[in-house]
Amino acid sequence: MKELAPVNQNVVLDITNSGTQKTASGIIIPDTAKEKPKFARIVAMSAIENAETRPGDLVIFKQYGGTEIEFEEKLYLYFPMLIFLPK
């Protein structure tokens, strides 16, 4: 099985959108027009000394930051270390 393995103090966030989005009037919003979520769960991270986060933590990130990666039919964001939101 392949896995995403970030390096150099980066994390991978799962930003897969669950389902099709529609407006209140029923118009389908295409993927190219959708706004990225601003919160996501960490699914993988590089070896970071004294890291305050770990996989499974919810984090907030900049809307247009990071690099989107599609891997095994899911959408991920490869990103430098983020601001941690405690559970």
PDB file of N, CA and C in Angstrom:
ATOM      1  N   MET A   1       0.837  -1.181   0.000  1.00  0.00           N
ATOM      2  CA  MET A   1       0.000   0.000   0.000  1.00  0.00           C
ATOM      3  C   MET A   1       0.876   1.236   0.000  1.00  0.00           C
ATOM      4  N   LYS A   2       0.540   2.181  -0.816  1.00  0.00           N
ATOM      5  CA  LYS A   2       1.277   3.435  -0.866  1.00  0.00           C
ATOM      6  C   LYS A   2       0.762   4.365   0.225  1.00  0.00           C
ATOM      7  N   GLU A   3       1.651   5.226   0.718  1.00  0.00           N
ATOM      8  CA  GLU A   3       1.266   6.215   1.718  1.00  0.00           C
ATOM      9  C   GLU A   3       1.910   7.539   1.366  1.00  0.00           C
ATOM     10  N   LEU A   4       1.291   8.631   1.780  1.00  0.00           N
ATOM     11  CA  LEU A   4       1.899   9.940   1.627  1.00  0.00           C
ATOM     12  C   LEU A   4       2.835  10.151   2.807  1.00  0.00           C
ATOM     13  N   ALA A   5       4.072  10.536   2.543  1.00  0.00           N
ATOM     14  CA  ALA A   5       5.060  10.725   3.601  1.00  0.00           C
ATOM     15  C   ALA A   5       5.700  12.108   3.458  1.00  0.00           C
ATOM     16  N   PRO A   6       5.211  13.095   4.190  1.00  0.00           N
ATOM     17  CA  PRO A   6       5.780  14.436   4.096  1.00  0.00           C
ATOM     18  C   PRO A   6       7.185  14.503   4.691  1.00  0.00           C
ATOM     19  N   VAL A   7       7.988  15.452   4.217  1.00  0.00           N
ATOM     20  CA  VAL A   7       9.347  15.654   4.705  1.00  0.00           C
ATOM     21  C   VAL A   7       9.562  17.140   5.022  1.00  0.00           C
ATOM     22  N   ASN A   8      10.684  17.443   5.673  1.00  0.00           N
ATOM     23  CA  ASN A   8      11.095  18.825   5.949  1.00  0.00           C
ATOM     24  C   ASN A   8      10.045  19.650   6.687  1.00  0.00           C
ATOM     25  N   GLN A   9       9.550  19.134   7.777  1.00  0.00           N
ATOM     26  CA  GLN A   9       8.593  19.807   8.645  1.00  0.00           C
ATOM     27  C   GLN A   9       7.330  20.238   7.910  1.00  0.00           C
ATOM     28  N   ASN A  10       6.764  19.317   7.147  1.00  0.00           N
ATOM     29  CA  ASN A  10       5.499  19.535   6.456  1.00  0.00           C
ATOM     30  C   ASN A  10       4.474  18.545   6.962  1.00  0.00           C
ATOM     31  N   VAL A  11       3.204  18.863   6.711  1.00  0.00           N
ATOM     32  CA  VAL A  11       2.106  17.980   7.083  1.00  0.00           C
ATOM     33  C   VAL A  11       1.223  17.745   5.869  1.00  0.00           C
ATOM     34  N   VAL A  12       0.428  16.678   5.914  1.00  0.00           N
ATOM     35  CA  VAL A  12      -0.553  16.396   4.874  1.00  0.00           C
ATOM     36  C   VAL A  12      -1.928  16.462   5.524  1.00  0.00           C
ATOM     37  N   LEU A  13      -2.818  17.268   4.930  1.00  0.00           N
ATOM     38  CA  LEU A  13      -4.173  17.428   5.435  1.00  0.00           C
ATOM     39  C   LEU A  13      -5.155  16.785   4.480  1.00  0.00           C
ATOM     40  N   ASP A  14      -6.190  16.161   5.010  1.00  0.00           N
ATOM     41  CA  ASP A  14      -7.252  15.582   4.187  1.00  0.00           C
ATOM     42  C   ASP A  14      -8.291  16.665   3.942  1.00  0.00           C
ATOM     43  N   ILE A  15      -8.397  17.128   2.695  1.00  0.00           N
ATOM     44  CA  ILE A  15      -9.388  18.148   2.356  1.00  0.00           C
ATOM     45  C   ILE A  15     -10.419  17.603   1.379  1.00  0.00           C
ATOM     46  N   THR A  16     -10.573  16.283   1.353  1.00  0.00           N
ATOM     47  CA  THR A  16     -11.552  15.656   0.468  1.00  0.00           C
ATOM     48  C   THR A  16     -12.935  16.168   0.824  1.00  0.00           C
ATOM     49  N   ASN A  17     -13.640  16.620  -0.192  1.00  0.00           N
ATOM     50  CA  ASN A  17     -14.991  17.125   0.031  1.00  0.00           C
ATOM     51  C   ASN A  17     -15.966  15.962  -0.072  1.00  0.00           C
ATOM     52  N   SER A  18     -16.863  15.861   0.880  1.00  0.00           N
ATOM     53  CA  SER A  18     -17.807  14.741   0.883  1.00  0.00           C
ATOM     54  C   SER A  18     -19.075  15.117   0.120  1.00  0.00           C
ATOM     55  N   GLY A  19     -19.113  14.770  -1.152  1.00  0.00           N
ATOM     56  CA  GLY A  19     -20.321  14.971  -1.944  1.00  0.00           C
ATOM     57  C   GLY A  19     -20.318  16.233  -2.778  1.00  0.00           C
ATOM     58  N   THR A  20     -21.367  16.362  -3.590  1.00  0.00           N
ATOM     59  CA  THR A  20     -21.538  17.488  -4.483  1.00  0.00           C
ATOM     60  C   THR A  20     -22.137  18.657  -3.719  1.00  0.00           C
ATOM     61  N   GLN A  21     -21.633  19.855  -3.984  1.00  0.00           N
ATOM     62  CA  GLN A  21     -22.189  21.043  -3.347  1.00  0.00           C
ATOM     63  C   GLN A  21     -23.179  21.713  -4.284  1.00  0.00           C
ATOM     64  N   LYS A  22     -24.290  22.211  -3.727  1.00  0.00           N
ATOM     65  CA  LYS A  22     -25.300  22.931  -4.489  1.00  0.00           C
ATOM     66  C   LYS A  22     -25.643  24.219  -3.770  1.00  0.00           C
ATOM     67  N   THR A  23     -26.118  25.202  -4.532  1.00  0.00           N
ATOM     68  CA  THR A  23     -26.621  26.436  -3.930  1.00  0.00           C
ATOM     69  C   THR A  23     -28.011  26.157  -3.377  1.00  0.00           C
ATOM     70  N   ALA A  24     -28.568  27.131  -2.654  1.00  0.00           N
ATOM     71  CA  ALA A  24     -29.902  26.974  -2.092  1.00  0.00           C
ATOM     72  C   ALA A  24     -30.952  26.762  -3.186  1.00  0.00           C
ATOM     73  N   SER A  25     -30.713  27.323  -4.377  1.00  0.00           N
ATOM     74  CA  SER A  25     -31.668  27.174  -5.479  1.00  0.00           C
ATOM     75  C   SER A  25     -31.443  25.904  -6.298  1.00  0.00           C
ATOM     76  N   GLY A  26     -30.421  25.089  -5.934  1.00  0.00           N
ATOM     77  CA  GLY A  26     -30.197  23.811  -6.593  1.00  0.00           C
ATOM     78  C   GLY A  26     -29.144  23.806  -7.674  1.00  0.00           C
ATOM     79  N   ILE A  27     -28.438  24.917  -7.857  1.00  0.00           N
ATOM     80  CA  ILE A  27     -27.384  24.969  -8.868  1.00  0.00           C
ATOM     81  C   ILE A  27     -26.166  24.228  -8.341  1.00  0.00           C
ATOM     82  N   ILE A  28     -25.620  23.295  -9.156  1.00  0.00           N
ATOM     83  CA  ILE A  28     -24.439  22.521  -8.751  1.00  0.00           C
ATOM     84  C   ILE A  28     -23.201  23.388  -8.911  1.00  0.00           C
ATOM     85  N   ILE A  29     -22.379  23.416  -7.873  1.00  0.00           N
ATOM     86  CA  ILE A  29     -21.144  24.196  -7.888  1.00  0.00           C
ATOM     87  C   ILE A  29     -20.012  23.289  -8.366  1.00  0.00           C
ATOM     88  N   PRO A  30     -19.358  23.637  -9.497  1.00  0.00           N
ATOM     89  CA  PRO A  30     -18.263  22.785  -9.979  1.00  0.00           C
ATOM     90  C   PRO A  30     -17.058  22.841  -9.050  1.00  0.00           C
ATOM     91  N   ASP A  31     -16.223  21.790  -9.094  1.00  0.00           N
ATOM     92  CA  ASP A  31     -15.041  21.717  -8.237  1.00  0.00           C
ATOM     93  C   ASP A  31     -14.132  22.925  -8.394  1.00  0.00           C
ATOM     94  N   THR A  32     -14.045  23.479  -9.600  1.00  0.00           N
ATOM     95  CA  THR A  32     -13.142  24.610  -9.841  1.00  0.00           C
ATOM     96  C   THR A  32     -13.616  25.886  -9.155  1.00  0.00           C
ATOM     97  N   ALA A  33     -14.885  25.958  -8.804  1.00  0.00           N
ATOM     98  CA  ALA A  33     -15.423  27.160  -8.162  1.00  0.00           C
ATOM     99  C   ALA A  33     -15.581  27.010  -6.653  1.00  0.00           C
ATOM    100  N   LYS A  34     -15.335  25.817  -6.136  1.00  0.00           N
ATOM    101  CA  LYS A  34     -15.505  25.586  -4.704  1.00  0.00           C
ATOM    102  C   LYS A  34     -14.398  26.242  -3.912  1.00  0.00           C
ATOM    103  N   GLU A  35     -14.755  26.751  -2.753  1.00  0.00           N
ATOM    104  CA  GLU A  35     -13.772  27.331  -1.847  1.00  0.00           C
ATOM    105  C   GLU A  35     -13.169  26.210  -1.017  1.00  0.00           C
ATOM    106  N   LYS A  36     -11.855  26.250  -0.830  1.00  0.00           N
ATOM    107  CA  LYS A  36     -11.192  25.246   0.004  1.00  0.00           C
ATOM    108  C   LYS A  36     -11.684  25.365   1.444  1.00  0.00           C
ATOM    109  N   PRO A  37     -11.752  24.256   2.140  1.00  0.00           N
ATOM    110  CA  PRO A  37     -12.078  24.351   3.565  1.00  0.00           C
ATOM    111  C   PRO A  37     -10.935  25.036   4.303  1.00  0.00           C
ATOM    112  N   LYS A  38     -11.229  25.628   5.440  1.00  0.00           N
ATOM    113  CA  LYS A  38     -10.199  26.319   6.209  1.00  0.00           C
ATOM    114  C   LYS A  38      -9.754  25.498   7.416  1.00  0.00           C
ATOM    115  N   PHE A  39     -10.433  24.395   7.675  1.00  0.00           N
ATOM    116  CA  PHE A  39     -10.084  23.476   8.753  1.00  0.00           C
ATOM    117  C   PHE A  39      -9.917  22.084   8.152  1.00  0.00           C
ATOM    118  N   ALA A  40      -8.978  21.327   8.652  1.00  0.00           N
ATOM    119  CA  ALA A  40      -8.790  19.962   8.157  1.00  0.00           C
ATOM    120  C   ALA A  40      -8.054  19.136   9.208  1.00  0.00           C
ATOM    121  N   ARG A  41      -8.089  17.832   9.040  1.00  0.00           N
ATOM    122  CA  ARG A  41      -7.382  16.908   9.931  1.00  0.00           C
ATOM    123  C   ARG A  41      -6.034  16.552   9.338  1.00  0.00           C
ATOM    124  N   ILE A  42      -5.039  16.455  10.205  1.00  0.00           N
ATOM    125  CA  ILE A  42      -3.718  16.004   9.779  1.00  0.00           C
ATOM    126  C   ILE A  42      -3.790  14.495   9.575  1.00  0.00           C
ATOM    127  N   VAL A  43      -3.351  14.016   8.405  1.00  0.00           N
ATOM    128  CA  VAL A  43      -3.325  12.580   8.148  1.00  0.00           C
ATOM    129  C   VAL A  43      -1.911  12.033   8.188  1.00  0.00           C
ATOM    130  N   ALA A  44      -0.914  12.892   7.974  1.00  0.00           N
ATOM    131  CA  ALA A  44       0.485  12.463   8.033  1.00  0.00           C
ATOM    132  C   ALA A  44       1.352  13.692   8.285  1.00  0.00           C
ATOM    133  N   MET A  45       2.498  13.463   8.911  1.00  0.00           N
ATOM    134  CA  MET A  45       3.436  14.572   9.121  1.00  0.00           C
ATOM    135  C   MET A  45       4.854  14.038   9.175  1.00  0.00           C
ATOM    136  N   SER A  46       5.792  14.916   8.836  1.00  0.00           N
ATOM    137  CA  SER A  46       7.201  14.515   8.876  1.00  0.00           C
ATOM    138  C   SER A  46       7.659  14.452  10.323  1.00  0.00           C
ATOM    139  N   ALA A  47       8.856  13.956  10.534  1.00  0.00           N
ATOM    140  CA  ALA A  47       9.427  13.898  11.884  1.00  0.00           C
ATOM    141  C   ALA A  47       9.779  15.320  12.304  1.00  0.00           C
ATOM    142  N   ILE A  48       9.049  15.845  13.260  1.00  0.00           N
ATOM    143  CA  ILE A  48       9.247  17.215  13.737  1.00  0.00           C
ATOM    144  C   ILE A  48       9.557  17.147  15.225  1.00  0.00           C
ATOM    145  N   GLU A  49      10.711  17.682  15.603  1.00  0.00           N
ATOM    146  CA  GLU A  49      11.119  17.654  16.996  1.00  0.00           C
ATOM    147  C   GLU A  49      10.194  18.528  17.827  1.00  0.00           C
ATOM    148  N   ASN A  50       9.729  18.012  18.954  1.00  0.00           N
ATOM    149  CA  ASN A  50       8.840  18.717  19.879  1.00  0.00           C
ATOM    150  C   ASN A  50       7.555  19.202  19.203  1.00  0.00           C
ATOM    151  N   ALA A  51       7.007  18.417  18.316  1.00  0.00           N
ATOM    152  CA  ALA A  51       5.776  18.791  17.614  1.00  0.00           C
ATOM    153  C   ALA A  51       4.615  18.869  18.592  1.00  0.00           C
ATOM    154  N   GLU A  52       3.805  19.902  18.449  1.00  0.00           N
ATOM    155  CA  GLU A  52       2.634  20.065  19.300  1.00  0.00           C
ATOM    156  C   GLU A  52       1.398  19.445  18.670  1.00  0.00           C
ATOM    157  N   THR A  53       1.534  18.956  17.456  1.00  0.00           N
ATOM    158  CA  THR A  53       0.420  18.323  16.764  1.00  0.00           C
ATOM    159  C   THR A  53       0.795  16.902  16.401  1.00  0.00           C
ATOM    160  N   ARG A  54      -0.210  16.123  16.027  1.00  0.00           N
ATOM    161  CA  ARG A  54       0.022  14.757  15.575  1.00  0.00           C
ATOM    162  C   ARG A  54      -1.120  14.390  14.621  1.00  0.00           C
ATOM    163  N   PRO A  55      -0.965  13.340  13.848  1.00  0.00           N
ATOM    164  CA  PRO A  55      -2.039  12.927  12.955  1.00  0.00           C
ATOM    165  C   PRO A  55      -3.359  12.763  13.713  1.00  0.00           C
ATOM    166  N   GLY A  56      -4.429  13.251  13.105  1.00  0.00           N
ATOM    167  CA  GLY A  56      -5.749  13.214  13.733  1.00  0.00           C
ATOM    168  C   GLY A  56      -6.172  14.552  14.308  1.00  0.00           C
ATOM    169  N   ASP A  57      -5.209  15.465  14.538  1.00  0.00           N
ATOM    170  CA  ASP A  57      -5.535  16.781  15.087  1.00  0.00           C
ATOM    171  C   ASP A  57      -6.189  17.663  14.026  1.00  0.00           C
ATOM    172  N   LEU A  58      -7.109  18.522  14.469  1.00  0.00           N
ATOM    173  CA  LEU A  58      -7.766  19.488  13.599  1.00  0.00           C
ATOM    174  C   LEU A  58      -6.924  20.762  13.575  1.00  0.00           C
ATOM    175  N   VAL A  59      -6.662  21.270  12.366  1.00  0.00           N
ATOM    176  CA  VAL A  59      -5.847  22.479  12.221  1.00  0.00           C
ATOM    177  C   VAL A  59      -6.541  23.468  11.300  1.00  0.00           C
ATOM    178  N   ILE A  60      -6.114  24.709  11.359  1.00  0.00           N
ATOM    179  CA  ILE A  60      -6.600  25.761  10.477  1.00  0.00           C
ATOM    180  C   ILE A  60      -5.462  26.120   9.529  1.00  0.00           C
ATOM    181  N   PHE A  61      -5.802  26.469   8.283  1.00  0.00           N
ATOM    182  CA  PHE A  61      -4.758  26.807   7.326  1.00  0.00           C
ATOM    183  C   PHE A  61      -5.214  27.938   6.416  1.00  0.00           C
ATOM    184  N   LYS A  62      -4.253  28.576   5.738  1.00  0.00           N
ATOM    185  CA  LYS A  62      -4.550  29.659   4.813  1.00  0.00           C
ATOM    186  C   LYS A  62      -5.324  29.109   3.623  1.00  0.00           C
ATOM    187  N   GLN A  63      -6.301  29.870   3.166  1.00  0.00           N
ATOM    188  CA  GLN A  63      -7.180  29.414   2.105  1.00  0.00           C
ATOM    189  C   GLN A  63      -6.429  29.055   0.825  1.00  0.00           C
ATOM    190  N   TYR A  64      -5.456  29.840   0.418  1.00  0.00           N
ATOM    191  CA  TYR A  64      -4.769  29.588  -0.851  1.00  0.00           C
ATOM    192  C   TYR A  64      -3.344  29.096  -0.652  1.00  0.00           C
ATOM    193  N   GLY A  65      -3.043  28.545   0.503  1.00  0.00           N
ATOM    194  CA  GLY A  65      -1.700  28.045   0.766  1.00  0.00           C
ATOM    195  C   GLY A  65      -1.593  26.558   0.483  1.00  0.00           C
ATOM    196  N   GLY A  66      -0.388  26.062   0.507  1.00  0.00           N
ATOM    197  CA  GLY A  66      -0.151  24.633   0.332  1.00  0.00           C
ATOM    198  C   GLY A  66      -0.248  24.173  -1.100  1.00  0.00           C
ATOM    199  N   THR A  67      -0.020  22.889  -1.283  1.00  0.00           N
ATOM    200  CA  THR A  67      -0.066  22.261  -2.593  1.00  0.00           C
ATOM    201  C   THR A  67      -1.086  21.135  -2.565  1.00  0.00           C
ATOM    202  N   GLU A  68      -2.094  21.216  -3.446  1.00  0.00           N
ATOM    203  CA  GLU A  68      -3.105  20.166  -3.507  1.00  0.00           C
ATOM    204  C   GLU A  68      -2.547  18.927  -4.184  1.00  0.00           C
ATOM    205  N   ILE A  69      -2.888  17.761  -3.627  1.00  0.00           N
ATOM    206  CA  ILE A  69      -2.456  16.485  -4.166  1.00  0.00           C
ATOM    207  C   ILE A  69      -3.667  15.564  -4.200  1.00  0.00           C
ATOM    208  N   GLU A  70      -3.918  14.937  -5.347  1.00  0.00           N
ATOM    209  CA  GLU A  70      -4.961  13.915  -5.415  1.00  0.00           C
ATOM    210  C   GLU A  70      -4.263  12.567  -5.334  1.00  0.00           C
ATOM    211  N   PHE A  71      -4.651  11.754  -4.354  1.00  0.00           N
ATOM    212  CA  PHE A  71      -3.993  10.478  -4.096  1.00  0.00           C
ATOM    213  C   PHE A  71      -5.045   9.455  -3.733  1.00  0.00           C
ATOM    214  N   GLU A  72      -5.112   8.378  -4.492  1.00  0.00           N
ATOM    215  CA  GLU A  72      -6.079   7.304  -4.256  1.00  0.00           C
ATOM    216  C   GLU A  72      -7.500   7.847  -4.101  1.00  0.00           C
ATOM    217  N   GLU A  73      -7.891   8.704  -5.050  1.00  0.00           N
ATOM    218  CA  GLU A  73      -9.231   9.273  -5.136  1.00  0.00           C
ATOM    219  C   GLU A  73      -9.614  10.173  -3.963  1.00  0.00           C
ATOM    220  N   LYS A  74      -8.643  10.672  -3.221  1.00  0.00           N
ATOM    221  CA  LYS A  74      -8.892  11.648  -2.154  1.00  0.00           C
ATOM    222  C   LYS A  74      -8.064  12.882  -2.439  1.00  0.00           C
ATOM    223  N   LEU A  75      -8.488  14.007  -1.881  1.00  0.00           N
ATOM    224  CA  LEU A  75      -7.784  15.262  -2.076  1.00  0.00           C
ATOM    225  C   LEU A  75      -7.070  15.650  -0.784  1.00  0.00           C
ATOM    226  N   TYR A  76      -5.771  15.922  -0.915  1.00  0.00           N
ATOM    227  CA  TYR A  76      -4.952  16.283   0.235  1.00  0.00           C
ATOM    228  C   TYR A  76      -4.270  17.620  -0.010  1.00  0.00           C
ATOM    229  N   LEU A  77      -3.812  18.236   1.056  1.00  0.00           N
ATOM    230  CA  LEU A  77      -3.059  19.479   0.976  1.00  0.00           C
ATOM    231  C   LEU A  77      -1.727  19.251   1.676  1.00  0.00           C
ATOM    232  N   TYR A  78      -0.643  19.452   0.939  1.00  0.00           N
ATOM    233  CA  TYR A  78       0.721  19.329   1.479  1.00  0.00           C
ATOM    234  C   TYR A  78       1.118  20.720   1.922  1.00  0.00           C
ATOM    235  N   PHE A  79       1.440  20.874   3.202  1.00  0.00           N
ATOM    236  CA  PHE A  79       1.532  22.191   3.796  1.00  0.00           C
ATOM    237  C   PHE A  79       2.655  22.279   4.820  1.00  0.00           C
ATOM    238  N   PRO A  80       3.284  23.465   4.971  1.00  0.00           N
ATOM    239  CA  PRO A  80       4.226  23.643   6.081  1.00  0.00           C
ATOM    240  C   PRO A  80       3.479  23.571   7.421  1.00  0.00           C
ATOM    241  N   MET A  81       4.191  23.425   8.502  1.00  0.00           N
ATOM    242  CA  MET A  81       3.588  23.299   9.829  1.00  0.00           C
ATOM    243  C   MET A  81       2.546  24.386  10.060  1.00  0.00           C
ATOM    244  N   LEU A  82       1.457  24.054  10.793  1.00  0.00           N
ATOM    245  CA  LEU A  82       0.288  24.910  10.917  1.00  0.00           C
ATOM    246  C   LEU A  82       0.000  25.329  12.350  1.00  0.00           C
ATOM    247  N   ILE A  83      -1.045  26.131  12.504  1.00  0.00           N
ATOM    248  CA  ILE A  83      -1.553  26.528  13.819  1.00  0.00           C
ATOM    249  C   ILE A  83      -2.424  25.407  14.357  1.00  0.00           C
ATOM    250  N   PHE A  84      -2.207  25.005  15.567  1.00  0.00           N
ATOM    251  CA  PHE A  84      -2.907  23.880  16.186  1.00  0.00           C
ATOM    252  C   PHE A  84      -4.171  24.362  16.888  1.00  0.00           C
ATOM    253  N   LEU A  85      -5.283  23.628  16.701  1.00  0.00           N
ATOM    254  CA  LEU A  85      -6.516  23.899  17.417  1.00  0.00           C
ATOM    255  C   LEU A  85      -6.760  22.756  18.390  1.00  0.00           C
ATOM    256  N   PRO A  86      -6.630  22.998  19.694  1.00  0.00           N
ATOM    257  CA  PRO A  86      -6.808  21.910  20.670  1.00  0.00           C
ATOM    258  C   PRO A  86      -8.200  21.303  20.574  1.00  0.00           C
ATOM    259  N   LYS A  87      -8.302  20.014  20.909  1.00  0.00           N
ATOM    260  CA  LYS A  87      -9.579  19.296  20.854  1.00  0.00           C
ATOM    261  C   LYS A  87     -10.520  19.797  21.919  1.00  0.00           C
TER     262      LYS A  87
END
